[in-house]
Amino acid sequence: MSSQMRRFQQLCQQEPRLLQLYRRVQAIRDNHSNPSFCANAHWYGRGMGPRAELEDLVGFHAENPELRTSRDYDVAYDALYDALPGCRNCSCMSAWEVIRYRRRLARRRRGPTGSKRNNRKVASGSQT
């Protein structure tokens, strides 16, 4: 199990409504009865989707002061969004995949302490 999923489980213990929200998101299905499925349409839900509920539970606007961190928000956001079925034949898919790819790439660049790693060699002294 990844460290992010372990942290998400801890968040669910601290905020039981987060686990309820996760289960509701997991229950969303693409039954293939429509020609397309858009995860973003379910996620944002015209301002009333799971993302809006998440903001009250984790992150800067959380009711619990212990959960008011951007890292916890990112962990919960990723866990919930990843629980949705993937987009199928919708117009937002390519743009959203770019965003998710960039977020994952940024996470990989962070070291185990969460700080960004610098893979470039820094020469000592001045450059000419």
N, C-alpha and C. Protein backbone atom coordinates (compact mmCIF):
# COMPACT_ATOMS: atom_id res chain seq x y z
N MET A 1 0.86 -1.18 0.00
CA MET A 1 0.00 0.00 0.00
C MET A 1 0.90 1.24 0.00
N SER A 2 0.53 2.19 -0.79
CA SER A 2 1.33 3.41 -0.91
C SER A 2 1.18 4.29 0.34
N SER A 3 2.14 5.18 0.52
CA SER A 3 2.08 6.10 1.67
C SER A 3 0.88 7.04 1.53
N GLN A 4 0.50 7.36 0.29
CA GLN A 4 -0.66 8.23 0.10
C GLN A 4 -1.95 7.53 0.54
N MET A 5 -2.07 6.25 0.22
CA MET A 5 -3.28 5.54 0.64
C MET A 5 -3.30 5.34 2.15
N ARG A 6 -2.14 5.13 2.76
CA ARG A 6 -2.10 5.04 4.22
C ARG A 6 -2.55 6.35 4.84
N ARG A 7 -2.06 7.47 4.27
CA ARG A 7 -2.47 8.78 4.79
C ARG A 7 -3.96 8.99 4.57
N PHE A 8 -4.49 8.56 3.43
CA PHE A 8 -5.92 8.70 3.18
C PHE A 8 -6.73 7.92 4.22
N GLN A 9 -6.29 6.73 4.56
CA GLN A 9 -6.98 5.96 5.60
C GLN A 9 -6.95 6.70 6.93
N GLN A 10 -5.83 7.32 7.26
CA GLN A 10 -5.73 8.11 8.49
C GLN A 10 -6.72 9.28 8.45
N LEU A 11 -6.80 9.94 7.29
CA LEU A 11 -7.73 11.06 7.14
C LEU A 11 -9.17 10.59 7.35
N CYS A 12 -9.50 9.41 6.83
CA CYS A 12 -10.85 8.86 6.99
C CYS A 12 -11.15 8.55 8.45
N GLN A 13 -10.13 8.16 9.20
CA GLN A 13 -10.33 7.92 10.62
C GLN A 13 -10.58 9.24 11.36
N GLN A 14 -9.87 10.29 10.94
CA GLN A 14 -10.04 11.59 11.58
C GLN A 14 -11.35 12.26 11.17
N GLU A 15 -11.78 12.00 9.94
CA GLU A 15 -13.00 12.62 9.41
C GLU A 15 -13.86 11.54 8.77
N PRO A 16 -14.76 10.90 9.54
CA PRO A 16 -15.58 9.79 9.01
C PRO A 16 -16.42 10.16 7.80
N ARG A 17 -16.78 11.42 7.65
CA ARG A 17 -17.57 11.82 6.47
C ARG A 17 -16.76 11.67 5.19
N LEU A 18 -15.44 11.71 5.30
CA LEU A 18 -14.59 11.51 4.13
C LEU A 18 -14.73 10.07 3.62
N LEU A 19 -14.80 9.12 4.52
CA LEU A 19 -15.00 7.72 4.13
C LEU A 19 -16.38 7.55 3.48
N GLN A 20 -17.39 8.20 4.02
CA GLN A 20 -18.73 8.14 3.41
C GLN A 20 -18.70 8.71 1.99
N LEU A 21 -18.01 9.83 1.82
CA LEU A 21 -17.89 10.44 0.50
C LEU A 21 -17.16 9.50 -0.45
N TYR A 22 -16.09 8.88 0.01
CA TYR A 22 -15.32 7.94 -0.80
C TYR A 22 -16.21 6.79 -1.27
N ARG A 23 -17.01 6.27 -0.39
CA ARG A 23 -17.90 5.15 -0.76
C ARG A 23 -18.95 5.58 -1.79
N ARG A 24 -19.44 6.81 -1.66
CA ARG A 24 -20.40 7.31 -2.66
C ARG A 24 -19.72 7.48 -4.02
N VAL A 25 -18.49 7.95 -4.01
CA VAL A 25 -17.76 8.11 -5.28
C VAL A 25 -17.49 6.74 -5.90
N GLN A 26 -17.10 5.77 -5.08
CA GLN A 26 -16.87 4.41 -5.59
C GLN A 26 -18.12 3.81 -6.21
N ALA A 27 -19.28 4.21 -5.75
CA ALA A 27 -20.55 3.66 -6.24
C ALA A 27 -20.93 4.21 -7.62
N ILE A 28 -20.27 5.26 -8.07
CA ILE A 28 -20.57 5.82 -9.39
C ILE A 28 -20.07 4.85 -10.45
N ARG A 29 -20.92 4.49 -11.36
CA ARG A 29 -20.59 3.50 -12.40
C ARG A 29 -20.83 4.06 -13.78
N ASP A 30 -19.99 3.61 -14.71
CA ASP A 30 -20.22 3.85 -16.13
C ASP A 30 -20.87 2.57 -16.65
N ASN A 31 -22.17 2.61 -16.83
CA ASN A 31 -22.89 1.40 -17.26
C ASN A 31 -22.92 1.24 -18.78
N HIS A 32 -22.24 2.12 -19.48
CA HIS A 32 -22.12 2.07 -20.94
C HIS A 32 -23.46 2.20 -21.66
N SER A 33 -24.47 2.71 -20.99
CA SER A 33 -25.77 2.91 -21.64
C SER A 33 -25.78 4.20 -22.46
N ASN A 34 -24.85 5.10 -22.18
CA ASN A 34 -24.70 6.34 -22.94
C ASN A 34 -23.46 6.23 -23.82
N PRO A 35 -23.39 7.02 -24.89
CA PRO A 35 -22.23 6.94 -25.77
C PRO A 35 -20.93 7.43 -25.12
N SER A 36 -21.03 8.15 -23.99
CA SER A 36 -19.82 8.63 -23.33
C SER A 36 -20.04 8.68 -21.82
N PHE A 37 -18.92 8.78 -21.11
CA PHE A 37 -18.96 8.95 -19.66
C PHE A 37 -17.88 9.97 -19.32
N CYS A 38 -18.22 10.97 -18.51
CA CYS A 38 -17.26 12.00 -18.13
C CYS A 38 -17.09 12.00 -16.61
N ALA A 39 -15.92 11.58 -16.17
CA ALA A 39 -15.63 11.57 -14.73
C ALA A 39 -15.69 12.99 -14.17
N ASN A 40 -15.22 13.97 -14.94
CA ASN A 40 -15.23 15.35 -14.47
C ASN A 40 -16.64 15.88 -14.24
N ALA A 41 -17.57 15.48 -15.08
CA ALA A 41 -18.96 15.93 -14.89
C ALA A 41 -19.49 15.42 -13.55
N HIS A 42 -19.12 14.21 -13.18
CA HIS A 42 -19.54 13.69 -11.88
C HIS A 42 -18.75 14.34 -10.75
N TRP A 43 -17.47 14.56 -10.96
CA TRP A 43 -16.59 15.11 -9.93
C TRP A 43 -16.99 16.54 -9.56
N TYR A 44 -17.19 17.37 -10.58
CA TYR A 44 -17.53 18.76 -10.31
C TYR A 44 -19.03 18.96 -10.11
N GLY A 45 -19.84 18.19 -10.78
CA GLY A 45 -21.29 18.18 -10.58
C GLY A 45 -21.94 19.54 -10.50
N ARG A 46 -21.58 20.45 -11.40
CA ARG A 46 -22.16 21.81 -11.41
C ARG A 46 -22.04 22.49 -10.05
N GLY A 47 -20.88 22.33 -9.44
CA GLY A 47 -20.62 22.97 -8.16
C GLY A 47 -21.15 22.22 -6.96
N MET A 48 -21.81 21.10 -7.20
CA MET A 48 -22.41 20.34 -6.10
C MET A 48 -21.87 18.91 -6.04
N GLY A 49 -20.80 18.64 -6.74
CA GLY A 49 -20.28 17.28 -6.78
C GLY A 49 -19.37 16.96 -5.60
N PRO A 50 -18.75 15.79 -5.65
CA PRO A 50 -17.88 15.36 -4.55
C PRO A 50 -16.75 16.34 -4.25
N ARG A 51 -16.23 17.00 -5.27
CA ARG A 51 -15.15 17.95 -5.03
C ARG A 51 -15.59 19.07 -4.11
N ALA A 52 -16.78 19.58 -4.29
CA ALA A 52 -17.29 20.65 -3.42
C ALA A 52 -17.44 20.15 -1.99
N GLU A 53 -17.89 18.93 -1.82
CA GLU A 53 -18.02 18.35 -0.48
C GLU A 53 -16.65 18.15 0.16
N LEU A 54 -15.68 17.74 -0.65
CA LEU A 54 -14.33 17.52 -0.15
C LEU A 54 -13.75 18.77 0.50
N GLU A 55 -14.01 19.92 -0.08
CA GLU A 55 -13.44 21.17 0.42
C GLU A 55 -13.89 21.49 1.85
N ASP A 56 -15.06 20.99 2.25
CA ASP A 56 -15.52 21.20 3.63
C ASP A 56 -14.88 20.22 4.61
N LEU A 57 -14.32 19.14 4.08
CA LEU A 57 -13.80 18.08 4.94
C LEU A 57 -12.28 18.13 5.12
N VAL A 58 -11.55 18.46 4.06
CA VAL A 58 -10.09 18.45 4.08
C VAL A 58 -9.58 19.65 3.30
N GLY A 59 -8.51 20.25 3.79
CA GLY A 59 -7.92 21.41 3.12
C GLY A 59 -8.16 22.68 3.89
N PHE A 60 -7.88 23.80 3.30
CA PHE A 60 -7.91 25.08 3.98
C PHE A 60 -9.27 25.44 4.57
N HIS A 61 -10.35 24.91 4.00
CA HIS A 61 -11.69 25.24 4.48
C HIS A 61 -12.30 24.14 5.35
N ALA A 62 -11.47 23.18 5.76
CA ALA A 62 -11.97 22.04 6.55
C ALA A 62 -12.49 22.52 7.90
N GLU A 63 -13.54 21.86 8.35
CA GLU A 63 -14.09 22.18 9.66
C GLU A 63 -13.12 21.78 10.77
N ASN A 64 -12.40 20.69 10.58
CA ASN A 64 -11.42 20.21 11.56
C ASN A 64 -10.08 20.92 11.28
N PRO A 65 -9.59 21.73 12.22
CA PRO A 65 -8.33 22.47 11.98
C PRO A 65 -7.13 21.57 11.70
N GLU A 66 -7.14 20.34 12.20
CA GLU A 66 -6.02 19.43 11.97
C GLU A 66 -5.93 18.99 10.51
N LEU A 67 -7.00 19.15 9.76
CA LEU A 67 -7.03 18.69 8.36
C LEU A 67 -6.90 19.85 7.37
N ARG A 68 -6.46 20.99 7.83
CA ARG A 68 -6.36 22.17 6.97
C ARG A 68 -4.98 22.30 6.33
N THR A 69 -4.57 21.27 5.63
CA THR A 69 -3.28 21.33 4.93
C THR A 69 -3.49 21.03 3.45
N SER A 70 -2.66 21.62 2.63
CA SER A 70 -2.77 21.37 1.19
C SER A 70 -2.35 19.93 0.86
N ARG A 71 -1.41 19.38 1.62
CA ARG A 71 -0.98 18.00 1.37
C ARG A 71 -2.14 17.03 1.62
N ASP A 72 -2.84 17.21 2.73
CA ASP A 72 -3.98 16.34 3.02
C ASP A 72 -5.08 16.49 1.97
N TYR A 73 -5.29 17.72 1.51
CA TYR A 73 -6.28 17.95 0.46
C TYR A 73 -5.88 17.20 -0.81
N ASP A 74 -4.60 17.29 -1.19
CA ASP A 74 -4.13 16.61 -2.40
C ASP A 74 -4.28 15.10 -2.27
N VAL A 75 -3.96 14.56 -1.10
CA VAL A 75 -4.09 13.11 -0.87
C VAL A 75 -5.55 12.68 -1.02
N ALA A 76 -6.44 13.40 -0.37
CA ALA A 76 -7.87 13.05 -0.44
C ALA A 76 -8.42 13.26 -1.85
N TYR A 77 -8.04 14.34 -2.48
CA TYR A 77 -8.48 14.64 -3.85
C TYR A 77 -8.10 13.48 -4.78
N ASP A 78 -6.84 13.07 -4.73
CA ASP A 78 -6.37 12.00 -5.62
C ASP A 78 -7.08 10.68 -5.34
N ALA A 79 -7.25 10.35 -4.06
CA ALA A 79 -7.91 9.09 -3.71
C ALA A 79 -9.36 9.07 -4.20
N LEU A 80 -10.06 10.17 -4.01
CA LEU A 80 -11.46 10.23 -4.43
C LEU A 80 -11.58 10.23 -5.95
N TYR A 81 -10.78 11.07 -6.61
CA TYR A 81 -10.90 11.15 -8.07
C TYR A 81 -10.51 9.82 -8.72
N ASP A 82 -9.48 9.17 -8.17
CA ASP A 82 -9.05 7.88 -8.72
C ASP A 82 -10.10 6.79 -8.51
N ALA A 83 -11.02 6.98 -7.58
CA ALA A 83 -12.09 6.01 -7.35
C ALA A 83 -13.18 6.08 -8.42
N LEU A 84 -13.21 7.17 -9.17
CA LEU A 84 -14.19 7.32 -10.25
C LEU A 84 -13.81 6.45 -11.44
N PRO A 85 -14.80 5.98 -12.20
CA PRO A 85 -14.47 5.33 -13.48
C PRO A 85 -13.80 6.35 -14.39
N GLY A 86 -12.97 5.90 -15.28
CA GLY A 86 -12.29 6.79 -16.21
C GLY A 86 -13.23 7.39 -17.24
N CYS A 87 -12.82 8.52 -17.77
CA CYS A 87 -13.59 9.14 -18.84
C CYS A 87 -13.62 8.20 -20.06
N ARG A 88 -14.72 8.26 -20.80
CA ARG A 88 -14.86 7.46 -22.02
C ARG A 88 -15.55 8.30 -23.07
N ASN A 89 -14.87 8.54 -24.17
CA ASN A 89 -15.44 9.29 -25.30
C ASN A 89 -15.95 10.68 -24.93
N CYS A 90 -15.28 11.36 -24.03
CA CYS A 90 -15.72 12.71 -23.70
C CYS A 90 -14.65 13.71 -24.14
N SER A 91 -15.03 14.94 -24.28
CA SER A 91 -14.12 15.94 -24.83
C SER A 91 -13.08 16.43 -23.82
N CYS A 92 -13.29 16.22 -22.54
CA CYS A 92 -12.32 16.72 -21.55
C CYS A 92 -11.19 15.75 -21.30
N MET A 93 -11.31 14.54 -21.79
CA MET A 93 -10.36 13.50 -21.43
C MET A 93 -8.92 13.88 -21.70
N SER A 94 -8.60 14.37 -22.86
CA SER A 94 -7.20 14.64 -23.18
C SER A 94 -6.63 15.76 -22.29
N ALA A 95 -7.38 16.81 -22.05
CA ALA A 95 -6.88 17.89 -21.20
C ALA A 95 -6.70 17.41 -19.77
N TRP A 96 -7.66 16.67 -19.25
CA TRP A 96 -7.56 16.18 -17.88
C TRP A 96 -6.39 15.20 -17.73
N GLU A 97 -6.17 14.35 -18.70
CA GLU A 97 -5.06 13.41 -18.61
C GLU A 97 -3.73 14.15 -18.55
N VAL A 98 -3.61 15.25 -19.26
CA VAL A 98 -2.38 16.05 -19.18
C VAL A 98 -2.20 16.59 -17.77
N ILE A 99 -3.27 17.10 -17.18
CA ILE A 99 -3.19 17.64 -15.82
C ILE A 99 -2.80 16.55 -14.84
N ARG A 100 -3.43 15.41 -14.91
CA ARG A 100 -3.11 14.30 -13.99
C ARG A 100 -1.68 13.83 -14.19
N TYR A 101 -1.24 13.75 -15.43
CA TYR A 101 0.13 13.34 -15.71
C TYR A 101 1.12 14.31 -15.06
N ARG A 102 0.86 15.60 -15.20
CA ARG A 102 1.77 16.60 -14.63
C ARG A 102 1.77 16.53 -13.11
N ARG A 103 0.63 16.28 -12.49
CA ARG A 103 0.57 16.15 -11.03
C ARG A 103 1.36 14.93 -10.57
N ARG A 104 1.20 13.81 -11.28
CA ARG A 104 1.95 12.60 -10.91
C ARG A 104 3.45 12.80 -11.10
N LEU A 105 3.82 13.45 -12.18
CA LEU A 105 5.22 13.72 -12.43
C LEU A 105 5.81 14.60 -11.32
N ALA A 106 5.07 15.62 -10.90
CA ALA A 106 5.54 16.50 -9.82
C ALA A 106 5.70 15.71 -8.53
N ARG A 107 4.80 14.78 -8.25
CA ARG A 107 4.91 13.96 -7.03
C ARG A 107 6.14 13.07 -7.08
N ARG A 108 6.43 12.51 -8.26
CA ARG A 108 7.60 11.64 -8.39
C ARG A 108 8.90 12.41 -8.18
N ARG A 109 8.89 13.68 -8.52
CA ARG A 109 10.10 14.49 -8.36
C ARG A 109 10.38 14.85 -6.91
N ARG A 110 9.39 14.67 -6.06
CA ARG A 110 9.60 14.95 -4.64
C ARG A 110 10.31 13.77 -4.00
N GLY A 111 11.19 14.06 -3.09
CA GLY A 111 11.90 13.01 -2.36
C GLY A 111 11.01 12.46 -1.25
N PRO A 112 11.53 11.54 -0.46
CA PRO A 112 10.73 10.95 0.61
C PRO A 112 10.29 11.95 1.67
N THR A 113 10.97 13.09 1.77
CA THR A 113 10.56 14.09 2.76
C THR A 113 9.55 15.05 2.20
N GLY A 114 9.22 14.93 0.92
CA GLY A 114 8.24 15.83 0.31
C GLY A 114 8.89 17.01 -0.38
N SER A 115 10.19 17.19 -0.21
CA SER A 115 10.85 18.31 -0.88
C SER A 115 11.25 17.89 -2.28
N LYS A 116 11.36 18.88 -3.15
CA LYS A 116 11.73 18.57 -4.53
C LYS A 116 13.20 18.19 -4.59
N ARG A 117 13.49 17.17 -5.37
CA ARG A 117 14.87 16.75 -5.58
C ARG A 117 15.45 17.57 -6.71
N ASN A 118 16.71 17.90 -6.59
CA ASN A 118 17.41 18.61 -7.65
C ASN A 118 18.40 17.64 -8.25
N ASN A 119 18.13 17.19 -9.47
CA ASN A 119 18.98 16.21 -10.12
C ASN A 119 20.13 16.83 -10.88
N ARG A 120 20.19 18.14 -10.95
CA ARG A 120 21.26 18.81 -11.67
C ARG A 120 22.49 18.91 -10.78
N LYS A 121 23.64 18.78 -11.42
CA LYS A 121 24.88 18.97 -10.68
C LYS A 121 25.17 20.46 -10.64
N VAL A 122 25.52 20.96 -9.49
CA VAL A 122 25.84 22.37 -9.33
C VAL A 122 27.34 22.49 -9.24
N ALA A 123 27.92 23.22 -10.16
CA ALA A 123 29.36 23.42 -10.16
C ALA A 123 29.74 24.40 -9.09
N SER A 124 30.82 24.12 -8.40
CA SER A 124 31.27 25.07 -7.38
C SER A 124 32.06 26.17 -8.07
N GLY A 125 32.00 27.35 -7.49
CA GLY A 125 32.70 28.50 -8.06
C GLY A 125 31.86 29.17 -9.11
N SER A 126 32.42 30.17 -9.73
CA SER A 126 31.68 30.95 -10.74
C SER A 126 31.78 30.30 -12.10
N GLN A 127 30.78 30.55 -12.91
CA GLN A 127 30.78 30.06 -14.27
C GLN A 127 31.29 31.14 -15.20
N THR A 128 32.05 30.75 -16.19
CA THR A 128 32.56 31.73 -17.15
C THR A 128 32.05 31.46 -18.52
